[in-house]
């Protein structure tokens, strides 16, 4: 076999069919052959991954790697219950899907048997915990938590000095609705008054 017929696949990396062009003039046929040989696994139509060898058998690529290949290197951010619940504001939500903000698509997609809910949403390149607070306040309905409960949790954590007050206000101004900004401002004023 020629070198072109033996691609050097990186375990744990996801590949689009077009990524295989560097090894073959017919990347679709090459992908089918590599799947048949067990060197690639199909994650979705036109999306594959090289399985990671583990002591329990081959493992799929990470969520991040699958999303990177699927979204074509467009920026994205995984958010939702794992981040929201860690804030200590009262959210204990669980989702059967992974919530992903991106700049390209909206809708639900299944990659390697995992469900992702994609939303085109404006988000920071490097989100801070304060941004996740605003994100939770914006999506309290998805988390199944009333705003009043989140507000009480926010007041408590502000009194404990958990958040940068200036950064929280900035994130609410940049990424929140008027209602979210008003809630944040109200919580900030209440904790300023009680601290005085």
N, C-alpha and C. Protein backbone atom coordinates (compact mmCIF):
# COMPACT_ATOMS: atom_id res chain seq x y z
N UNK A 1 0.84 -1.19 0.00
CA UNK A 1 0.00 0.00 0.00
C UNK A 1 0.87 1.24 0.00
N UNK A 2 0.38 2.27 -0.64
CA UNK A 2 1.13 3.51 -0.70
C UNK A 2 0.97 4.28 0.60
N UNK A 3 1.87 5.26 0.80
CA UNK A 3 1.79 6.11 1.99
C UNK A 3 0.46 6.84 2.02
N UNK A 4 -0.03 7.27 0.82
CA UNK A 4 -1.30 7.99 0.75
C UNK A 4 -2.45 7.13 1.25
N UNK A 5 -2.35 5.81 1.10
CA UNK A 5 -3.42 4.91 1.52
C UNK A 5 -3.38 4.62 3.01
N UNK A 6 -2.30 4.98 3.69
CA UNK A 6 -2.15 4.74 5.13
C UNK A 6 -2.09 6.07 5.89
N UNK A 7 -3.21 6.72 6.10
CA UNK A 7 -3.20 8.00 6.80
C UNK A 7 -2.75 7.85 8.24
N UNK A 8 -2.07 8.86 8.72
CA UNK A 8 -1.60 8.88 10.10
C UNK A 8 -2.67 9.58 10.95
N UNK A 9 -3.60 8.80 11.45
CA UNK A 9 -4.71 9.33 12.23
C UNK A 9 -4.28 9.50 13.69
N UNK A 10 -4.72 10.58 14.29
CA UNK A 10 -4.40 10.87 15.69
C UNK A 10 -5.53 10.33 16.56
N UNK A 11 -5.26 9.40 17.47
CA UNK A 11 -6.32 8.88 18.33
C UNK A 11 -6.99 10.00 19.12
N UNK A 12 -8.33 9.98 19.14
CA UNK A 12 -9.09 11.00 19.85
C UNK A 12 -9.40 12.22 19.02
N UNK A 13 -8.91 12.27 17.79
CA UNK A 13 -9.15 13.43 16.92
C UNK A 13 -10.36 13.14 16.03
N UNK A 14 -11.15 14.18 15.78
CA UNK A 14 -12.30 14.06 14.88
C UNK A 14 -11.92 14.61 13.51
N UNK A 15 -12.48 14.00 12.49
CA UNK A 15 -12.17 14.36 11.10
C UNK A 15 -13.45 14.52 10.30
N UNK A 16 -13.50 15.57 9.48
CA UNK A 16 -14.55 15.68 8.47
C UNK A 16 -14.07 14.90 7.27
N UNK A 17 -14.98 14.50 6.41
CA UNK A 17 -14.58 13.76 5.20
C UNK A 17 -13.55 14.56 4.42
N UNK A 18 -13.74 15.87 4.33
CA UNK A 18 -12.82 16.71 3.57
C UNK A 18 -11.41 16.71 4.15
N UNK A 19 -11.27 16.43 5.45
CA UNK A 19 -9.94 16.37 6.07
C UNK A 19 -9.11 15.20 5.54
N UNK A 20 -9.79 14.21 4.99
CA UNK A 20 -9.10 13.02 4.48
C UNK A 20 -8.58 13.21 3.07
N UNK A 21 -8.85 14.37 2.46
CA UNK A 21 -8.38 14.63 1.09
C UNK A 21 -6.86 14.62 0.98
N UNK A 22 -6.19 14.93 2.06
CA UNK A 22 -4.72 14.95 1.98
C UNK A 22 -4.14 13.55 1.78
N UNK A 23 -4.96 12.51 2.04
CA UNK A 23 -4.48 11.15 1.88
C UNK A 23 -5.11 10.42 0.70
N UNK A 24 -6.14 11.01 0.11
CA UNK A 24 -6.82 10.30 -0.98
C UNK A 24 -7.58 11.27 -1.87
N UNK A 25 -7.65 10.93 -3.16
CA UNK A 25 -8.46 11.73 -4.09
C UNK A 25 -9.94 11.44 -3.89
N UNK A 26 -10.26 10.33 -3.22
CA UNK A 26 -11.65 9.97 -2.93
C UNK A 26 -11.79 9.80 -1.41
N UNK A 27 -11.96 10.92 -0.68
CA UNK A 27 -12.00 10.84 0.78
C UNK A 27 -13.19 10.05 1.33
N UNK A 28 -14.30 10.03 0.61
CA UNK A 28 -15.47 9.28 1.07
C UNK A 28 -15.18 7.78 1.08
N UNK A 29 -14.55 7.30 0.01
CA UNK A 29 -14.19 5.89 -0.06
C UNK A 29 -13.14 5.54 1.01
N UNK A 30 -12.16 6.43 1.19
CA UNK A 30 -11.15 6.21 2.22
C UNK A 30 -11.80 6.15 3.60
N UNK A 31 -12.73 7.04 3.88
CA UNK A 31 -13.42 7.03 5.18
C UNK A 31 -14.16 5.71 5.39
N UNK A 32 -14.86 5.24 4.38
CA UNK A 32 -15.57 3.95 4.49
C UNK A 32 -14.59 2.81 4.78
N UNK A 33 -13.45 2.82 4.08
CA UNK A 33 -12.46 1.76 4.30
C UNK A 33 -11.90 1.80 5.71
N UNK A 34 -11.60 3.03 6.20
CA UNK A 34 -11.05 3.17 7.54
C UNK A 34 -12.06 2.78 8.62
N UNK A 35 -13.34 3.03 8.36
CA UNK A 35 -14.38 2.58 9.29
C UNK A 35 -14.44 1.06 9.29
N UNK A 36 -14.40 0.45 8.11
CA UNK A 36 -14.42 -1.02 8.01
C UNK A 36 -13.22 -1.64 8.73
N UNK A 37 -12.07 -0.96 8.69
CA UNK A 37 -10.86 -1.47 9.34
C UNK A 37 -10.82 -1.15 10.84
N UNK A 38 -11.79 -0.36 11.33
CA UNK A 38 -11.82 -0.01 12.75
C UNK A 38 -10.89 1.13 13.13
N UNK A 39 -10.33 1.80 12.13
CA UNK A 39 -9.41 2.91 12.40
C UNK A 39 -10.17 4.23 12.59
N UNK A 40 -11.37 4.29 12.05
CA UNK A 40 -12.25 5.45 12.25
C UNK A 40 -13.62 4.93 12.68
N UNK A 41 -14.35 5.78 13.40
CA UNK A 41 -15.74 5.51 13.76
C UNK A 41 -16.57 6.68 13.27
N UNK A 42 -17.77 6.39 12.79
CA UNK A 42 -18.62 7.47 12.29
C UNK A 42 -19.35 8.11 13.47
N UNK A 43 -19.22 9.44 13.58
CA UNK A 43 -19.90 10.21 14.63
C UNK A 43 -21.21 10.78 14.11
N UNK A 44 -21.24 11.14 12.85
CA UNK A 44 -22.41 11.68 12.17
C UNK A 44 -22.09 11.63 10.68
N UNK A 45 -23.06 11.96 9.85
CA UNK A 45 -22.81 11.93 8.41
C UNK A 45 -21.66 12.89 8.07
N UNK A 46 -20.59 12.35 7.51
CA UNK A 46 -19.44 13.17 7.11
C UNK A 46 -18.50 13.54 8.24
N UNK A 47 -18.73 13.01 9.44
CA UNK A 47 -17.89 13.30 10.61
C UNK A 47 -17.46 11.99 11.24
N UNK A 48 -16.15 11.87 11.44
CA UNK A 48 -15.57 10.63 11.97
C UNK A 48 -14.61 10.97 13.10
N UNK A 49 -14.24 9.96 13.87
CA UNK A 49 -13.19 10.15 14.88
C UNK A 49 -12.33 8.90 14.94
N UNK A 50 -11.07 9.12 15.28
CA UNK A 50 -10.15 8.00 15.50
C UNK A 50 -10.29 7.61 16.97
N UNK A 51 -10.74 6.40 17.27
CA UNK A 51 -10.99 6.03 18.66
C UNK A 51 -9.71 6.04 19.50
N UNK A 52 -9.90 6.39 20.77
CA UNK A 52 -8.80 6.39 21.72
C UNK A 52 -8.68 5.00 22.33
N UNK A 53 -7.50 4.40 22.30
CA UNK A 53 -7.36 3.09 22.93
C UNK A 53 -7.33 3.24 24.46
N UNK A 54 -8.14 2.47 25.15
CA UNK A 54 -8.14 2.44 26.62
C UNK A 54 -8.13 1.00 27.07
N UNK A 55 -7.94 0.78 28.35
CA UNK A 55 -7.93 -0.59 28.86
C UNK A 55 -9.32 -1.22 28.81
N UNK A 56 -10.35 -0.39 28.62
CA UNK A 56 -11.71 -0.88 28.51
C UNK A 56 -12.17 -1.00 27.07
N UNK A 57 -11.28 -0.73 26.13
CA UNK A 57 -11.63 -0.78 24.72
C UNK A 57 -11.58 0.62 24.11
N UNK A 58 -11.88 0.73 22.83
CA UNK A 58 -11.80 2.03 22.16
C UNK A 58 -12.82 3.02 22.72
N UNK A 59 -12.36 4.24 22.94
CA UNK A 59 -13.22 5.31 23.46
C UNK A 59 -13.41 6.37 22.40
N UNK A 60 -14.56 7.05 22.43
CA UNK A 60 -14.81 8.10 21.43
C UNK A 60 -14.00 9.36 21.71
N UNK A 61 -13.99 10.24 20.75
CA UNK A 61 -13.35 11.55 20.92
C UNK A 61 -14.13 12.35 21.96
N UNK A 62 -13.48 13.35 22.53
CA UNK A 62 -14.13 14.19 23.54
C UNK A 62 -15.23 15.04 22.91
N UNK A 63 -16.12 15.54 23.75
CA UNK A 63 -17.17 16.44 23.26
C UNK A 63 -16.56 17.64 22.55
N UNK A 64 -15.52 18.20 23.16
CA UNK A 64 -14.88 19.38 22.60
C UNK A 64 -14.31 19.10 21.21
N UNK A 65 -13.68 17.95 21.05
CA UNK A 65 -13.09 17.60 19.76
C UNK A 65 -14.17 17.36 18.71
N UNK A 66 -15.24 16.69 19.08
CA UNK A 66 -16.34 16.47 18.14
C UNK A 66 -16.97 17.80 17.70
N UNK A 67 -17.17 18.70 18.67
CA UNK A 67 -17.75 20.01 18.35
C UNK A 67 -16.80 20.83 17.49
N UNK A 68 -15.50 20.76 17.77
CA UNK A 68 -14.52 21.49 16.96
C UNK A 68 -14.61 21.08 15.50
N UNK A 69 -14.65 19.79 15.26
CA UNK A 69 -14.72 19.30 13.88
C UNK A 69 -16.08 19.61 13.25
N UNK A 70 -17.14 19.43 14.01
CA UNK A 70 -18.48 19.65 13.47
C UNK A 70 -18.72 21.11 13.12
N UNK A 71 -18.26 22.02 13.99
CA UNK A 71 -18.50 23.45 13.76
C UNK A 71 -17.42 24.10 12.90
N UNK A 72 -16.46 23.32 12.45
CA UNK A 72 -15.46 23.84 11.52
C UNK A 72 -14.56 24.90 12.12
N UNK A 73 -14.12 24.70 13.32
CA UNK A 73 -13.21 25.62 14.01
C UNK A 73 -13.84 26.98 14.33
N UNK A 74 -15.17 27.09 14.23
CA UNK A 74 -15.86 28.31 14.67
C UNK A 74 -15.85 28.33 16.20
N UNK A 75 -15.88 29.52 16.79
CA UNK A 75 -15.90 29.58 18.26
C UNK A 75 -17.17 28.94 18.83
N UNK A 76 -17.02 28.27 19.96
CA UNK A 76 -18.18 27.70 20.65
C UNK A 76 -17.87 27.64 22.15
N UNK A 77 -18.92 27.47 22.92
CA UNK A 77 -18.79 27.42 24.38
C UNK A 77 -19.81 26.43 24.92
N UNK A 78 -19.34 25.45 25.69
CA UNK A 78 -20.23 24.51 26.36
C UNK A 78 -20.67 25.15 27.66
N UNK A 79 -21.97 25.20 27.89
CA UNK A 79 -22.51 25.82 29.09
C UNK A 79 -23.63 24.93 29.62
N UNK A 80 -24.46 25.46 30.49
CA UNK A 80 -25.59 24.70 31.00
C UNK A 80 -25.37 24.19 32.41
N UNK A 81 -26.15 23.18 32.82
CA UNK A 81 -26.16 22.72 34.20
C UNK A 81 -24.81 22.46 34.87
N UNK A 82 -23.84 21.83 34.21
CA UNK A 82 -22.57 21.61 34.92
C UNK A 82 -21.94 22.92 35.43
N UNK A 83 -22.06 23.97 34.64
CA UNK A 83 -21.51 25.27 35.04
C UNK A 83 -22.47 25.99 35.97
N UNK A 84 -23.76 25.96 35.67
CA UNK A 84 -24.76 26.67 36.47
C UNK A 84 -24.85 26.12 37.88
N UNK A 85 -24.87 24.79 38.02
CA UNK A 85 -25.02 24.18 39.34
C UNK A 85 -23.83 24.47 40.24
N UNK A 86 -22.65 24.65 39.65
CA UNK A 86 -21.44 24.92 40.43
C UNK A 86 -21.40 26.33 41.01
N UNK A 87 -22.30 27.20 40.57
CA UNK A 87 -22.30 28.59 41.03
C UNK A 87 -22.82 28.74 42.45
N UNK A 88 -23.60 27.79 42.92
CA UNK A 88 -24.15 27.88 44.26
C UNK A 88 -25.30 28.85 44.39
N UNK A 89 -26.04 29.07 43.31
CA UNK A 89 -27.16 30.01 43.34
C UNK A 89 -28.51 29.30 43.52
N UNK A 90 -28.49 27.99 43.59
CA UNK A 90 -29.74 27.25 43.78
C UNK A 90 -30.15 26.38 42.62
N UNK A 91 -29.38 26.36 41.56
CA UNK A 91 -29.71 25.53 40.41
C UNK A 91 -29.18 24.12 40.63
N UNK A 92 -30.05 23.14 40.36
CA UNK A 92 -29.66 21.73 40.42
C UNK A 92 -30.14 21.01 39.17
N UNK A 93 -30.16 21.72 38.07
CA UNK A 93 -30.69 21.19 36.81
C UNK A 93 -29.84 20.06 36.26
N UNK A 94 -30.50 19.20 35.50
CA UNK A 94 -29.82 18.14 34.75
C UNK A 94 -30.43 18.14 33.35
N UNK A 95 -29.58 18.06 32.34
CA UNK A 95 -30.05 18.00 30.95
C UNK A 95 -29.64 16.68 30.34
N UNK A 96 -30.47 16.19 29.43
CA UNK A 96 -30.10 15.00 28.66
C UNK A 96 -29.27 15.39 27.45
N UNK A 97 -29.15 16.69 27.20
CA UNK A 97 -28.36 17.20 26.09
C UNK A 97 -27.32 18.17 26.63
N UNK A 98 -26.28 18.39 25.85
CA UNK A 98 -25.25 19.37 26.21
C UNK A 98 -25.58 20.67 25.50
N UNK A 99 -25.65 21.76 26.25
CA UNK A 99 -25.97 23.08 25.70
C UNK A 99 -24.68 23.71 25.19
N UNK A 100 -24.69 24.10 23.92
CA UNK A 100 -23.50 24.65 23.27
C UNK A 100 -23.86 25.95 22.57
N UNK A 101 -23.20 27.04 22.96
CA UNK A 101 -23.36 28.31 22.27
C UNK A 101 -22.31 28.36 21.16
N UNK A 102 -22.72 28.89 20.03
CA UNK A 102 -21.79 29.00 18.91
C UNK A 102 -22.22 30.15 18.02
N UNK A 103 -21.43 30.41 17.00
CA UNK A 103 -21.70 31.54 16.10
C UNK A 103 -22.27 31.08 14.76
N UNK A 104 -22.59 29.80 14.65
CA UNK A 104 -22.92 29.26 13.34
C UNK A 104 -24.29 28.59 13.22
N UNK A 105 -24.69 27.81 14.21
CA UNK A 105 -25.89 26.97 14.05
C UNK A 105 -26.80 27.02 15.27
N UNK A 106 -28.08 26.71 15.01
CA UNK A 106 -29.06 26.52 16.06
C UNK A 106 -29.79 25.22 15.76
N UNK A 107 -30.05 24.43 16.79
CA UNK A 107 -30.76 23.17 16.61
C UNK A 107 -30.11 22.07 17.41
N UNK A 108 -30.68 20.89 17.31
CA UNK A 108 -30.14 19.74 18.03
C UNK A 108 -29.42 18.83 17.05
N UNK A 109 -28.30 18.28 17.49
CA UNK A 109 -27.51 17.38 16.66
C UNK A 109 -26.99 16.24 17.54
N UNK A 110 -26.84 15.07 16.94
CA UNK A 110 -26.29 13.91 17.65
C UNK A 110 -24.93 13.60 17.03
N UNK A 111 -23.89 13.60 17.87
CA UNK A 111 -22.53 13.29 17.43
C UNK A 111 -22.01 12.15 18.29
N UNK A 112 -21.65 11.06 17.67
CA UNK A 112 -21.14 9.87 18.36
C UNK A 112 -22.07 9.44 19.48
N UNK A 113 -23.38 9.51 19.23
CA UNK A 113 -24.37 9.09 20.21
C UNK A 113 -24.65 10.11 21.31
N UNK A 114 -24.02 11.26 21.28
CA UNK A 114 -24.24 12.31 22.29
C UNK A 114 -25.11 13.41 21.68
N UNK A 115 -26.06 13.89 22.46
CA UNK A 115 -26.96 14.93 21.98
C UNK A 115 -26.45 16.31 22.39
N UNK A 116 -26.46 17.23 21.43
CA UNK A 116 -26.03 18.61 21.66
C UNK A 116 -27.14 19.55 21.22
N UNK A 117 -27.44 20.54 22.07
CA UNK A 117 -28.38 21.59 21.72
C UNK A 117 -27.56 22.81 21.37
N UNK A 118 -27.54 23.16 20.10
CA UNK A 118 -26.75 24.28 19.61
C UNK A 118 -27.60 25.54 19.57
N UNK A 119 -27.01 26.63 20.05
CA UNK A 119 -27.69 27.92 20.01
C UNK A 119 -26.73 28.99 19.54
N UNK A 120 -27.21 29.81 18.61
CA UNK A 120 -26.41 30.96 18.16
C UNK A 120 -26.64 32.07 19.18
N UNK A 121 -25.64 32.28 20.01
CA UNK A 121 -25.73 33.25 21.11
C UNK A 121 -24.41 34.01 21.19
N UNK A 122 -24.50 35.27 21.54
CA UNK A 122 -23.31 36.10 21.76
C UNK A 122 -22.68 35.69 23.10
N UNK A 123 -21.40 35.36 23.10
CA UNK A 123 -20.73 34.92 24.33
C UNK A 123 -19.28 35.39 24.30
N UNK A 124 -18.65 35.52 25.49
CA UNK A 124 -17.26 35.98 25.53
C UNK A 124 -16.29 34.88 25.13
N UNK A 125 -15.14 35.30 24.66
CA UNK A 125 -14.10 34.34 24.27
C UNK A 125 -13.61 33.55 25.49
N UNK A 126 -13.41 34.25 26.60
CA UNK A 126 -12.96 33.61 27.84
C UNK A 126 -13.96 33.92 28.94
N UNK A 127 -15.01 33.11 29.09
CA UNK A 127 -16.05 33.42 30.06
C UNK A 127 -15.55 33.31 31.50
N UNK A 128 -16.02 34.22 32.31
CA UNK A 128 -15.68 34.25 33.74
C UNK A 128 -16.84 33.63 34.52
N UNK A 129 -16.63 33.30 35.78
CA UNK A 129 -17.76 32.82 36.60
C UNK A 129 -18.91 33.83 36.63
N UNK A 130 -18.58 35.12 36.61
CA UNK A 130 -19.62 36.14 36.61
C UNK A 130 -20.47 36.06 35.34
N UNK A 131 -19.84 35.71 34.22
CA UNK A 131 -20.61 35.55 32.99
C UNK A 131 -21.57 34.37 33.14
N UNK A 132 -21.12 33.27 33.75
CA UNK A 132 -22.00 32.11 33.94
C UNK A 132 -23.16 32.45 34.86
N UNK A 133 -22.95 33.37 35.83
CA UNK A 133 -24.06 33.84 36.66
C UNK A 133 -25.11 34.50 35.78
N UNK A 134 -24.67 35.41 34.92
CA UNK A 134 -25.60 36.09 34.01
C UNK A 134 -26.25 35.09 33.05
N UNK A 135 -25.50 34.14 32.57
CA UNK A 135 -26.04 33.10 31.68
C UNK A 135 -27.15 32.33 32.38
N UNK A 136 -26.95 31.96 33.63
CA UNK A 136 -27.98 31.25 34.39
C UNK A 136 -29.20 32.13 34.60
N UNK A 137 -28.99 33.39 34.95
CA UNK A 137 -30.12 34.30 35.13
C UNK A 137 -30.92 34.44 33.83
N UNK A 138 -30.22 34.48 32.71
CA UNK A 138 -30.87 34.59 31.40
C UNK A 138 -31.69 33.35 31.07
N UNK A 139 -31.23 32.20 31.53
CA UNK A 139 -31.85 30.93 31.16
C UNK A 139 -32.43 30.20 32.37
N UNK A 140 -32.92 30.97 33.33
CA UNK A 140 -33.49 30.37 34.55
C UNK A 140 -34.61 29.40 34.22
N UNK A 141 -35.35 29.66 33.15
CA UNK A 141 -36.44 28.77 32.77
C UNK A 141 -35.92 27.41 32.32
N UNK A 142 -34.81 27.39 31.59
CA UNK A 142 -34.19 26.12 31.19
C UNK A 142 -33.69 25.35 32.40
N UNK A 143 -33.16 26.08 33.38
CA UNK A 143 -32.64 25.45 34.60
C UNK A 143 -33.76 25.05 35.55
N UNK A 144 -34.97 25.55 35.30
CA UNK A 144 -36.11 25.20 36.16
C UNK A 144 -36.04 25.85 37.53
N UNK A 145 -35.45 27.05 37.59
CA UNK A 145 -35.32 27.76 38.86
C UNK A 145 -35.96 29.14 38.71
N UNK A 146 -36.85 29.51 39.65
CA UNK A 146 -37.44 30.84 39.56
C UNK A 146 -36.39 31.93 39.79
N UNK A 147 -36.59 33.07 39.16
CA UNK A 147 -35.65 34.19 39.32
C UNK A 147 -35.52 34.60 40.78
N UNK A 148 -36.60 34.51 41.53
CA UNK A 148 -36.56 34.92 42.94
C UNK A 148 -35.58 34.07 43.75
N UNK A 149 -35.54 32.77 43.45
CA UNK A 149 -34.60 31.88 44.14
C UNK A 149 -33.16 32.20 43.73
N UNK A 150 -32.94 32.45 42.43
CA UNK A 150 -31.60 32.80 41.96
C UNK A 150 -31.15 34.13 42.55
N UNK A 151 -32.08 35.08 42.67
CA UNK A 151 -31.74 36.38 43.25
C UNK A 151 -31.30 36.21 44.70
N UNK A 152 -32.03 35.38 45.45
CA UNK A 152 -31.65 35.14 46.85
C UNK A 152 -30.26 34.49 46.93
N UNK A 153 -30.00 33.55 46.06
CA UNK A 153 -28.68 32.91 46.02
C UNK A 153 -27.59 33.89 45.63
N UNK A 154 -27.91 34.79 44.70
CA UNK A 154 -26.94 35.79 44.28
C UNK A 154 -26.61 36.74 45.42
N UNK A 155 -27.63 37.18 46.16
CA UNK A 155 -27.40 38.07 47.31
C UNK A 155 -26.52 37.39 48.33
N UNK A 156 -26.80 36.13 48.63
CA UNK A 156 -26.00 35.38 49.61
C UNK A 156 -24.55 35.27 49.18
N UNK A 157 -24.32 34.90 47.92
CA UNK A 157 -22.94 34.71 47.45
C UNK A 157 -22.22 36.05 47.30
N UNK A 158 -22.94 37.13 47.00
CA UNK A 158 -22.32 38.46 46.96
C UNK A 158 -21.86 38.87 48.36
N UNK A 159 -22.68 38.59 49.36
CA UNK A 159 -22.30 38.89 50.75
C UNK A 159 -21.06 38.12 51.18
N UNK A 160 -20.89 36.94 50.60
CA UNK A 160 -19.70 36.13 50.91
C UNK A 160 -18.48 36.58 50.11
N UNK A 161 -18.67 37.55 49.22
CA UNK A 161 -17.55 38.06 48.41
C UNK A 161 -17.13 37.12 47.30
N UNK A 162 -18.06 36.30 46.83
CA UNK A 162 -17.72 35.29 45.84
C UNK A 162 -17.50 35.86 44.44
N UNK A 163 -18.15 36.97 44.11
CA UNK A 163 -18.08 37.51 42.75
C UNK A 163 -17.43 38.88 42.74
N UNK A 164 -16.80 39.20 41.65
CA UNK A 164 -16.33 40.56 41.42
C UNK A 164 -17.56 41.39 41.08
N UNK A 165 -17.86 42.35 41.92
CA UNK A 165 -19.06 43.17 41.72
C UNK A 165 -18.99 43.92 40.39
N UNK A 166 -17.84 44.49 40.10
CA UNK A 166 -17.69 45.27 38.86
C UNK A 166 -17.83 44.36 37.63
N UNK A 167 -17.23 43.18 37.70
CA UNK A 167 -17.30 42.26 36.57
C UNK A 167 -18.71 41.71 36.39
N UNK A 168 -19.40 41.45 37.49
CA UNK A 168 -20.78 40.97 37.42
C UNK A 168 -21.66 42.02 36.74
N UNK A 169 -21.50 43.27 37.12
CA UNK A 169 -22.27 44.36 36.52
C UNK A 169 -21.94 44.46 35.02
N UNK A 170 -20.65 44.38 34.69
CA UNK A 170 -20.22 44.47 33.29
C UNK A 170 -20.80 43.33 32.45
N UNK A 171 -20.77 42.11 32.98
CA UNK A 171 -21.32 40.96 32.24
C UNK A 171 -22.83 41.12 32.05
N UNK A 172 -23.52 41.63 33.07
CA UNK A 172 -24.97 41.83 32.96
C UNK A 172 -25.28 42.90 31.92
N UNK A 173 -24.46 43.95 31.87
CA UNK A 173 -24.68 45.02 30.88
C UNK A 173 -24.42 44.53 29.46
N UNK A 174 -23.38 43.71 29.30
CA UNK A 174 -22.99 43.26 27.96
C UNK A 174 -23.83 42.09 27.44
N UNK A 175 -24.19 41.16 28.32
CA UNK A 175 -24.80 39.92 27.86
C UNK A 175 -26.21 39.67 28.38
N UNK A 176 -26.69 40.52 29.27
CA UNK A 176 -28.01 40.30 29.85
C UNK A 176 -29.09 41.15 29.22
N UNK A 177 -30.32 40.75 29.46
CA UNK A 177 -31.46 41.56 29.07
C UNK A 177 -31.64 42.66 30.12
N UNK A 178 -32.58 43.55 29.87
CA UNK A 178 -32.87 44.61 30.85
C UNK A 178 -33.32 44.00 32.17
N UNK A 179 -34.12 42.94 32.11
CA UNK A 179 -34.61 42.29 33.33
C UNK A 179 -33.45 41.67 34.12
N UNK A 180 -32.51 41.06 33.43
CA UNK A 180 -31.35 40.46 34.11
C UNK A 180 -30.48 41.54 34.72
N UNK A 181 -30.23 42.61 33.98
CA UNK A 181 -29.44 43.72 34.51
C UNK A 181 -30.11 44.32 35.73
N UNK A 182 -31.43 44.48 35.68
CA UNK A 182 -32.15 45.04 36.83
C UNK A 182 -32.02 44.13 38.05
N UNK A 183 -32.12 42.82 37.85
CA UNK A 183 -31.98 41.87 38.95
C UNK A 183 -30.58 41.96 39.56
N UNK A 184 -29.55 42.01 38.72
CA UNK A 184 -28.17 42.11 39.20
C UNK A 184 -27.97 43.43 39.95
N UNK A 185 -28.43 44.52 39.38
CA UNK A 185 -28.29 45.83 40.04
C UNK A 185 -28.99 45.83 41.39
N UNK A 186 -30.19 45.25 41.44
CA UNK A 186 -30.95 45.18 42.69
C UNK A 186 -30.18 44.37 43.75
N UNK A 187 -29.62 43.22 43.35
CA UNK A 187 -28.85 42.40 44.29
C UNK A 187 -27.59 43.13 44.75
N UNK A 188 -26.94 43.83 43.83
CA UNK A 188 -25.74 44.59 44.19
C UNK A 188 -26.08 45.70 45.19
N UNK A 189 -27.17 46.45 44.95
CA UNK A 189 -27.57 47.52 45.85
C UNK A 189 -27.94 46.99 47.23
N UNK A 190 -28.65 45.86 47.26
CA UNK A 190 -29.03 45.28 48.55
C UNK A 190 -27.81 44.88 49.37
N UNK A 191 -26.81 44.28 48.70
CA UNK A 191 -25.63 43.86 49.46
C UNK A 191 -24.74 45.05 49.82
N UNK A 192 -24.76 46.11 49.02
CA UNK A 192 -24.02 47.32 49.39
C UNK A 192 -24.64 47.97 50.60
N UNK A 193 -25.97 48.01 50.65
CA UNK A 193 -26.67 48.63 51.77
C UNK A 193 -26.45 47.85 53.06
N UNK A 194 -26.46 46.50 52.96
CA UNK A 194 -26.28 45.69 54.16
C UNK A 194 -24.83 45.71 54.64
N UNK A 195 -23.89 45.97 53.72
CA UNK A 195 -22.47 45.99 54.11
C UNK A 195 -22.12 47.31 54.80
N UNK A 196 -22.92 48.36 54.57
CA UNK A 196 -22.62 49.68 55.12
C UNK A 196 -22.96 49.77 56.60
